[in-house]
Protein backbone atom coordinates (compact mmCIF):
# COMPACT_ATOMS: atom_id res chain seq x y z
CA MET A 1 -29.73 41.22 81.11
CA TRP A 2 -32.81 41.42 78.98
CA SER A 3 -36.30 41.74 80.51
CA ARG A 4 -39.61 41.14 78.95
CA THR A 5 -42.38 43.91 78.69
CA ASN A 6 -46.16 43.64 78.49
CA TYR A 7 -45.97 43.75 74.81
CA PRO A 8 -45.11 40.39 73.18
CA GLY A 9 -41.84 40.56 71.09
CA VAL A 10 -40.51 43.59 72.91
CA ARG A 11 -37.90 43.52 75.53
CA TYR A 12 -35.37 45.82 77.28
CA ARG A 13 -32.26 45.94 79.18
CA GLU A 14 -31.20 48.68 81.75
CA HIS A 15 -28.16 50.89 81.77
CA THR A 16 -26.09 50.29 84.92
CA THR A 17 -25.46 53.95 85.67
CA ARG A 18 -27.42 56.20 83.35
CA ARG A 19 -30.87 57.17 84.55
CA LYS A 20 -34.02 58.72 82.99
CA ALA A 21 -36.64 60.55 85.16
CA GLY A 22 -35.13 58.84 88.23
CA LYS A 23 -35.37 55.28 86.79
CA PRO A 24 -32.62 53.36 84.96
CA ASP A 25 -32.37 54.28 81.32
CA ARG A 26 -33.89 51.35 79.19
CA TYR A 27 -32.75 50.10 75.78
CA PHE A 28 -35.64 48.54 73.75
CA ALA A 29 -35.16 45.71 71.17
CA ILE A 30 -37.89 43.76 69.11
CA ARG A 31 -37.92 40.12 67.99
CA TYR A 32 -39.68 38.54 65.05
CA TYR A 33 -39.70 35.81 62.37
CA ASP A 34 -39.56 36.71 58.79
CA ALA A 35 -41.44 34.86 55.95
CA GLN A 36 -38.93 32.04 55.80
CA GLY A 37 -39.24 31.39 59.53
CA LYS A 38 -35.82 32.85 60.46
CA ARG A 39 -35.85 34.85 63.67
CA HIS A 40 -34.47 38.50 63.77
CA GLU A 41 -33.78 40.76 66.78
CA GLU A 42 -33.22 44.36 66.23
CA GLY A 43 -32.41 47.22 68.64
CA LEU A 44 -34.50 50.42 68.51
CA GLY A 45 -33.06 52.94 71.19
CA TRP A 46 -33.05 54.25 74.63
CA SER A 47 -35.79 55.68 76.63
CA SER A 48 -33.67 58.61 77.03
CA GLU A 49 -34.15 59.03 73.25
CA GLY A 50 -37.78 58.98 73.39
CA TRP A 51 -38.36 55.23 72.95
CA THR A 52 -41.14 53.40 74.99
CA ALA A 53 -42.26 49.78 74.99
CA GLU A 54 -45.67 50.95 73.36
CA GLN A 55 -43.64 52.61 70.45
CA ALA A 56 -41.43 49.56 70.02
CA SER A 57 -44.66 47.43 69.84
CA LYS A 58 -46.06 49.72 67.11
CA VAL A 59 -42.99 49.41 64.97
CA LEU A 60 -42.96 45.61 65.57
CA GLY A 61 -46.55 45.36 64.40
CA ASP A 62 -45.87 47.32 61.27
CA ILE A 63 -43.00 44.94 60.38
CA ARG A 64 -45.03 41.85 61.17
CA THR A 65 -47.94 43.31 58.88
CA ASN A 66 -45.57 43.92 56.02
CA ILE A 67 -44.17 40.45 56.33
CA ARG A 68 -47.49 39.01 56.25
CA LEU A 69 -48.55 41.10 53.21
CA GLY A 70 -45.34 40.86 51.49
CA SER A 71 -45.04 44.62 50.90
CA GLY A 72 -43.18 47.53 52.58
CA PRO A 73 -40.13 47.27 54.86
CA ALA A 74 -39.83 43.83 56.36
CA SER A 75 -37.14 44.82 58.85
CA LEU A 76 -36.00 47.82 60.86
CA ALA A 77 -32.95 48.03 58.59
CA ASP A 78 -35.45 48.31 55.58
CA LYS A 79 -37.18 51.04 57.40
CA ARG A 80 -34.05 52.93 58.00
CA LYS A 81 -32.88 52.44 54.24
CA LEU A 82 -36.16 53.61 52.94
CA LYS A 83 -36.03 56.71 55.32
CA GLU A 84 -32.57 57.56 54.40
CA GLN A 85 -33.59 57.17 50.65
CA ALA A 86 -36.49 59.41 51.04
CA GLN A 87 -34.20 62.08 52.88
CA ARG A 88 -31.85 61.87 49.99
CA GLU A 89 -34.56 62.43 47.44
CA GLN A 90 -35.91 65.33 49.35
CA ALA A 91 -32.45 66.91 49.57
CA ALA A 92 -32.08 66.34 45.77
CA ARG A 93 -35.48 67.94 45.12
CA GLU A 94 -34.56 70.81 47.29
CA THR A 95 -31.17 71.21 45.45
CA LEU A 96 -32.84 71.20 42.05
CA ASP A 97 -35.51 73.82 43.31
CA ARG A 98 -32.43 75.95 44.48
CA ILE A 99 -30.66 75.63 41.14
CA ALA A 100 -33.96 76.10 39.22
CA ASP A 101 -34.32 79.45 41.01
CA ILE A 102 -31.06 80.88 40.19
CA THR A 103 -31.39 84.01 38.04
CA VAL A 104 -29.87 85.35 34.97
CA ALA A 105 -28.34 88.16 37.19
CA GLU A 106 -26.79 85.64 39.62
CA THR A 107 -25.22 83.43 36.85
CA ALA A 108 -24.07 86.58 35.11
CA ALA A 109 -22.17 87.65 38.30
CA ARG A 110 -20.58 84.32 38.52
CA PHE A 111 -19.52 84.35 34.78
CA LEU A 112 -18.06 87.95 35.41
CA SER A 113 -16.12 86.60 38.43
CA TRP A 114 -14.62 83.92 36.04
CA ALA A 115 -14.10 86.30 33.29
CA ARG A 116 -12.07 88.72 35.39
CA VAL A 117 -9.51 85.87 35.77
CA ASN A 118 -9.73 84.24 32.36
CA LYS A 119 -10.60 87.04 29.78
CA ARG A 120 -8.75 90.11 28.81
CA SER A 121 -11.99 91.62 27.38
CA TRP A 122 -14.07 91.12 30.67
CA ARG A 123 -14.78 95.07 30.96
CA ALA A 124 -16.56 94.94 27.67
CA ASP A 125 -18.53 91.98 29.03
CA GLU A 126 -19.46 93.68 32.11
CA SER A 127 -20.54 96.80 30.45
CA ARG A 128 -22.99 94.66 27.99
CA ILE A 129 -24.21 92.80 30.98
CA GLU A 130 -25.02 95.73 33.06
CA GLY A 131 -26.33 97.89 30.21
CA HIS A 132 -28.24 95.50 27.83
CA ILE A 133 -28.80 92.02 29.63
CA ILE A 134 -29.50 92.60 33.40
CA PRO A 135 -32.38 95.31 32.81
CA PRO A 136 -34.59 93.16 30.69
CA LEU A 137 -33.56 89.50 31.75
CA GLY A 138 -31.85 89.71 35.16
CA HIS A 139 -34.80 88.88 37.32
CA PHE A 140 -35.76 85.73 35.23
CA PRO A 141 -34.57 82.19 36.33
CA LEU A 142 -31.85 81.11 34.03
CA ARG A 143 -33.80 77.72 33.39
CA SER A 144 -36.94 79.68 32.42
CA LEU A 145 -34.99 81.64 29.46
CA GLY A 146 -36.13 80.01 26.30
CA SER A 147 -35.28 81.10 22.63
CA ALA A 148 -38.51 82.93 22.36
CA ARG A 149 -37.41 85.42 25.06
CA ILE A 150 -34.09 85.80 23.46
CA GLU A 151 -35.61 86.57 20.15
CA ASN A 152 -37.75 89.06 21.93
CA LEU A 153 -34.54 90.82 23.31
CA LYS A 154 -33.01 90.84 19.90
CA THR A 155 -36.00 92.50 18.47
CA SER A 156 -36.01 95.09 21.21
CA LEU A 157 -32.19 95.79 20.82
CA MET A 158 -32.71 96.32 16.96
CA GLY A 159 -35.53 98.55 17.75
CA GLN A 160 -33.26 100.82 20.04
CA GLY A 161 -31.23 101.45 16.93
CA LEU A 162 -28.03 99.63 18.19
CA ALA A 163 -25.48 98.74 15.63
CA ILE A 164 -25.93 95.17 14.36
CA ALA A 165 -22.38 94.42 15.59
CA THR A 166 -23.48 95.48 19.10
CA VAL A 167 -26.54 93.33 18.99
CA ARG A 168 -24.40 90.22 17.90
CA HIS A 169 -22.03 90.99 20.72
CA ILE A 170 -24.64 90.99 23.19
CA LEU A 171 -26.43 87.82 21.88
CA GLY A 172 -22.98 86.08 21.73
CA LEU A 173 -22.45 86.97 25.41
CA ILE A 174 -25.71 85.57 26.38
CA ARG A 175 -24.64 82.30 24.60
CA ARG A 176 -21.35 82.17 26.44
CA ILE A 177 -23.11 82.71 29.81
CA PHE A 178 -25.21 79.71 29.08
CA ASN A 179 -22.09 77.69 28.00
CA TYR A 180 -20.33 78.72 31.23
CA ALA A 181 -23.43 77.59 33.18
CA THR A 182 -23.50 74.13 31.60
CA LYS A 183 -20.04 73.41 32.72
CA THR A 184 -20.00 75.07 36.16
CA PRO A 185 -21.27 73.13 39.36
CA TYR A 186 -23.83 74.72 41.48
CA SER A 187 -21.33 74.83 44.42
CA GLU A 188 -18.38 72.79 45.80
CA GLU A 189 -20.74 70.43 47.58
CA ILE A 190 -23.26 70.15 44.75
CA ASP A 191 -21.76 68.91 41.60
CA THR A 192 -25.00 69.69 39.57
CA PRO A 193 -24.37 72.25 36.80
CA ILE A 194 -25.98 75.54 37.06
CA PHE A 195 -27.74 74.99 33.74
CA ASP A 196 -28.70 71.50 32.21
CA GLY A 197 -30.23 71.61 28.73
CA ARG A 198 -29.87 72.95 25.19
CA ASN A 199 -28.47 76.46 24.91
CA PRO A 200 -31.58 78.62 24.02
CA CYS A 201 -29.26 80.87 21.79
CA ALA A 202 -28.75 77.95 19.50
CA ALA A 203 -32.11 78.54 18.10
CA VAL A 204 -31.78 82.18 17.71
CA GLN A 205 -30.71 83.63 14.32
CA MET A 206 -28.03 86.10 14.47
CA PRO A 207 -28.82 89.38 12.84
CA ARG A 208 -26.83 89.68 9.46
CA GLN A 209 -24.00 92.15 9.47
CA ASP A 210 -22.35 93.72 6.62
CA ASN A 211 -19.30 95.30 8.44
CA ASN A 212 -17.04 95.70 5.47
CA ARG A 213 -15.79 99.27 5.63
CA LEU A 214 -16.23 100.81 2.21
CA ARG A 215 -14.35 104.14 2.88
CA PHE A 216 -10.66 104.76 3.10
CA PHE A 217 -8.75 107.86 3.33
CA SER A 218 -7.42 110.06 0.68
CA TYR A 219 -3.85 111.42 0.63
CA GLU A 220 -5.27 114.69 1.55
CA ASP A 221 -7.26 113.31 4.35
CA VAL A 222 -4.28 111.62 5.86
CA GLY A 223 -2.22 114.90 5.75
CA ARG A 224 -4.98 116.64 7.71
CA ILE A 225 -5.46 113.79 10.08
CA LEU A 226 -1.77 113.28 10.92
CA GLU A 227 -1.40 117.04 11.43
CA GLN A 228 -4.35 117.25 13.60
CA ALA A 229 -3.29 114.12 15.60
CA LYS A 230 -0.30 116.04 16.85
CA GLU A 231 -2.47 117.96 19.20
CA PHE A 232 -4.39 114.90 20.54
CA PRO A 233 -4.26 114.58 23.54
CA LYS A 234 -3.61 118.05 24.39
CA GLN A 235 -1.06 117.36 27.05
CA ARG A 236 1.81 115.58 25.43
CA ARG A 237 4.17 113.09 27.14
CA LYS A 238 7.78 114.60 27.20
CA GLY A 239 7.03 116.56 24.14
CA ARG A 240 6.17 113.37 22.01
CA PRO A 241 3.05 113.56 19.72
CA ASP A 242 2.00 110.21 20.75
CA PHE A 243 -1.39 110.11 18.97
CA HIS A 244 0.31 111.27 15.74
CA ASP A 245 2.68 108.39 15.96
CA ILE A 246 0.03 105.90 16.87
CA CYS A 247 -2.07 106.96 13.75
CA LEU A 248 0.98 106.80 11.57
CA LEU A 249 2.03 103.48 12.67
CA SER A 250 -1.51 102.03 11.91
CA LEU A 251 -1.61 103.82 8.43
CA MET A 252 1.87 102.76 7.44
CA THR A 253 1.94 99.23 8.74
CA GLY A 254 -1.64 98.18 8.92
CA MET A 255 -1.32 97.26 12.69
CA ARG A 256 -4.42 96.84 14.63
CA LYS A 257 -5.16 98.81 17.77
CA GLY A 258 -4.60 96.07 20.16
CA GLU A 259 -1.15 95.20 18.43
CA ILE A 260 -0.08 98.73 18.91
CA GLN A 261 -1.15 98.92 22.39
CA ALA A 262 0.79 95.83 23.27
CA LEU A 263 4.11 96.77 21.21
CA GLU A 264 7.24 96.75 23.29
CA TRP A 265 10.68 98.06 22.37
CA ALA A 266 11.97 94.60 22.39
CA ASP A 267 9.62 93.94 19.47
CA VAL A 268 11.20 96.72 17.30
CA ASP A 269 13.96 95.61 15.10
CA MET A 270 15.49 98.87 13.58
CA VAL A 271 18.33 96.93 11.82
CA HIS A 272 15.93 94.85 9.71
CA GLY A 273 12.98 97.40 9.60
CA VAL A 274 10.33 94.90 11.21
CA LEU A 275 8.16 94.91 14.13
CA ARG A 276 7.37 91.58 15.92
CA ILE A 277 3.69 91.22 16.53
CA ARG A 278 2.96 88.78 19.61
CA ASP A 279 -0.36 87.49 20.68
CA ALA A 280 -2.16 89.16 17.79
CA LYS A 281 -5.58 88.50 16.68
CA ALA A 282 -4.33 86.32 13.82
CA GLY A 283 -1.43 84.91 15.55
CA ASP A 284 2.27 86.08 15.91
CA GLY A 285 3.62 87.80 12.93
CA ILE A 286 5.68 90.90 11.75
CA ALA A 287 4.94 94.24 10.36
CA HIS A 288 7.27 96.05 8.05
CA MET A 289 8.40 99.64 8.75
CA ASN A 290 8.95 102.10 5.86
CA SER A 291 11.08 105.20 6.06
CA ASP A 292 8.33 107.19 7.72
CA VAL A 293 7.94 104.73 10.58
CA LEU A 294 11.60 104.20 10.87
CA ALA A 295 12.12 107.94 11.32
CA MET A 296 9.39 108.11 13.93
CA MET A 297 10.82 105.23 15.86
CA GLU A 298 14.28 106.64 15.69
CA LEU A 299 13.00 109.89 17.18
CA ARG A 300 10.77 108.03 19.95
CA LYS A 301 13.78 106.06 20.73
CA THR A 302 15.89 109.00 21.93
CA VAL A 303 13.45 109.44 24.89
CA ALA A 304 12.31 105.77 25.26
CA GLU A 305 11.80 103.97 28.44
CA PRO A 306 11.94 100.23 28.55
CA GLY A 307 8.79 98.27 28.10
CA LEU A 308 5.79 99.55 25.91
CA VAL A 309 6.50 101.78 23.05
CA PHE A 310 3.26 103.77 23.82
CA LYS A 311 2.64 104.18 27.43
CA GLY A 312 -0.63 105.11 29.07
CA ALA A 313 -0.97 108.06 31.46
CA ILE A 314 -1.63 105.75 34.40
CA ARG A 315 1.36 104.00 35.87
CA GLY A 316 2.86 103.43 32.41
CA GLY A 317 0.34 100.88 31.39
CA LYS A 318 -1.08 100.44 27.94
CA VAL A 319 -2.45 103.50 26.28
CA ARG A 320 -6.19 103.72 26.45
CA ASN A 321 -9.03 105.58 24.68
CA ILE A 322 -7.52 105.34 21.28
CA SER A 323 -10.82 104.79 19.56
CA ASN A 324 -12.46 107.63 21.57
CA THR A 325 -9.62 109.98 20.77
CA PHE A 326 -9.81 109.29 17.13
CA ALA A 327 -13.61 109.85 17.19
CA ALA A 328 -12.91 113.34 18.70
CA LEU A 329 -10.25 114.06 16.02
CA ALA A 330 -12.73 112.99 13.31
CA ASP A 331 -15.39 115.26 14.76
CA ASP A 332 -12.93 118.02 14.73
CA LEU A 333 -12.17 117.52 11.02
CA LYS A 334 -15.97 116.95 10.25
CA LEU A 335 -15.04 113.54 8.60
CA ASN A 336 -18.24 111.92 9.42
CA ASP A 337 -20.60 114.90 8.78
CA GLY A 338 -23.55 113.78 6.92
CA VAL A 339 -22.66 110.11 6.88
CA SER A 340 -25.27 107.73 8.06
CA ASP A 341 -24.16 104.34 6.64
CA PRO A 342 -21.92 102.74 9.36
CA ARG A 343 -19.79 101.36 6.59
CA GLN A 344 -18.98 104.84 5.44
CA ARG A 345 -18.21 106.28 8.94
CA VAL A 346 -14.52 106.57 9.59
CA CYS A 347 -12.90 105.20 12.93
CA PHE A 348 -9.35 104.38 14.06
CA HIS A 349 -9.69 101.12 12.22
CA THR A 350 -10.18 103.03 9.08
CA LEU A 351 -6.38 103.76 9.08
CA ARG A 352 -5.73 99.90 8.73
CA HIS A 353 -8.37 99.73 5.95
CA THR A 354 -6.57 102.70 4.15
CA PHE A 355 -3.23 100.81 4.42
CA ALA A 356 -4.70 97.81 2.52
CA SER A 357 -6.61 100.04 0.01
CA TRP A 358 -3.45 102.09 -0.89
CA LEU A 359 -1.55 98.75 -1.30
CA ALA A 360 -4.21 97.68 -3.84
CA LEU A 361 -4.36 100.99 -5.56
CA GLN A 362 -0.62 100.85 -6.30
CA GLY A 363 -1.03 97.45 -7.81
CA THR A 364 0.03 95.31 -5.01
CA ASP A 365 -1.06 91.59 -5.61
CA ILE A 366 -3.84 90.29 -3.47
CA TYR A 367 -1.73 87.63 -1.79
CA ARG A 368 1.01 90.02 -0.91
CA ILE A 369 -1.72 92.31 0.71
CA LYS A 370 -2.98 89.28 2.67
CA GLU A 371 0.50 88.60 4.10
CA LEU A 372 0.93 92.29 5.01
CA MET A 373 -2.52 92.55 6.58
CA ARG A 374 -1.94 89.22 8.32
CA HIS A 375 -5.33 87.91 7.43
CA LYS A 376 -6.27 84.33 8.33
CA THR A 377 -7.82 83.70 5.02
CA ILE A 378 -7.75 85.18 1.48
CA THR A 379 -11.49 85.80 1.82
CA GLN A 380 -10.89 88.69 4.28
CA THR A 381 -8.36 90.26 1.74
CA MET A 382 -10.58 89.87 -1.37
CA ARG A 383 -12.67 93.03 -0.37
CA TYR A 384 -9.59 95.03 -1.70
CA ALA A 385 -9.21 93.22 -5.05
CA HIS A 386 -11.45 95.65 -6.89
CA LEU A 387 -9.05 98.42 -6.31
CA ILE A 388 -6.08 96.87 -7.99
CA PRO A 389 -5.92 99.12 -11.00
CA GLY A 390 -6.99 97.77 -14.40
CA ALA A 391 -6.78 94.05 -12.97
CA THR A 392 -10.36 93.00 -13.90
CA LYS A 393 -10.57 95.10 -17.13
CA ASP A 394 -7.15 93.59 -18.25
CA ALA A 395 -8.48 90.05 -17.40
CA VAL A 396 -11.54 90.28 -19.65
CA GLU A 397 -9.81 92.07 -22.44
CA GLY A 398 -7.29 89.34 -22.49
CA LEU A 399 -9.96 87.00 -23.58
CA ALA A 400 -10.46 89.11 -26.81
CA ARG A 401 -6.58 89.07 -27.43
CA LEU A 402 -6.57 85.19 -27.32
CA ARG A 403 -9.50 84.97 -29.63
CA THR A 404 -7.98 87.12 -32.29
CA GLY A 405 -4.50 85.61 -31.93
CA SER A 406 -2.86 88.91 -30.94
CA SER A 407 -1.64 87.26 -27.67
CA PRO A 408 -0.38 83.82 -27.38
CA PRO A 409 -2.02 81.58 -24.73
CA ALA A 410 -0.17 80.86 -21.56
CA ASN A 411 1.95 77.41 -21.96
CA GLY A 412 1.01 77.37 -25.60
CA CYS A 413 -2.49 76.12 -25.12
CA LEU A 414 -6.05 77.45 -24.66
């Protein structure tokens, strides 16, 4: 049963059992008319929740004032909606503030967690992040990182004497971190991406890189390299000169380091003299074995174990440190002494470069070289065209022969 209070439009009813301060708990409600004359009655709450008749009267007075002025919440339901909306807006502002505060270091850590699952090269990313990205940028909020700051980092890295290729890798990694942040929600509960906006790296010019290696090995160099490679590493596996065989394979087939590391005995076809290359940089393909490689593979096969052709020292996994081992070998032979131009310095990849250069020197046509090198485009192969003996000179001289009539034009026409 409802009872009146001393405040017009405010009434209450008492709970049958529940008590507040020794008195029955009271539930307060208000009654009013809207601008169209329709009567409304809305409940507010119990005295045990803090409500009093005086407070109810104040709420009623605010509603009546808003109805009279035609502004503000004209009902208790309107007041609740506005309060809920304000709470949602406040929560959204706090969320945006938290996202705005996330740092480059925090975002890079999230990216690395993703990369460990999705990228085989995550260790290289981790090294570049820890060595070149976190120290200068880690403490900055990600959303404060503009193109000017990235440009400053590029200038700093170049000033440190880092190779252009290294600087490009670092800048490319920063770009990928931003791309990751634009696609990754802040949390499971908050679907807003970590970063929302234009990737600042888009406005940064990558330093130009001329990484075409100009130098390749002579026959004399190769003889010394292969002989020295028999001693690398010093402790051989079951008497096999593994590093010698790795160098020979790259030199005689043009296989990349990663392709050699992933080569399994199931990929070796001794009958047809080919090696199947899977998941390679340029896609699946084959490499052809000459007599030197076939003899080497026959010898290795006598003590072979299933799986990888070249096994690492740790649990039979992929052989590691090929580049570092070759660098040590090159130091022993003084192959890079006095060489400052990066394009002239030799490395393990120079063996593959030598393979293509030797093919060109013996007159192999450029399209066959492209096939044997497994290049994606002919542009990559054209760097070897100038080595094909007499090709350019003969082409120009052919014009003179055509002019004098000493050589008939192809297809009988000029």
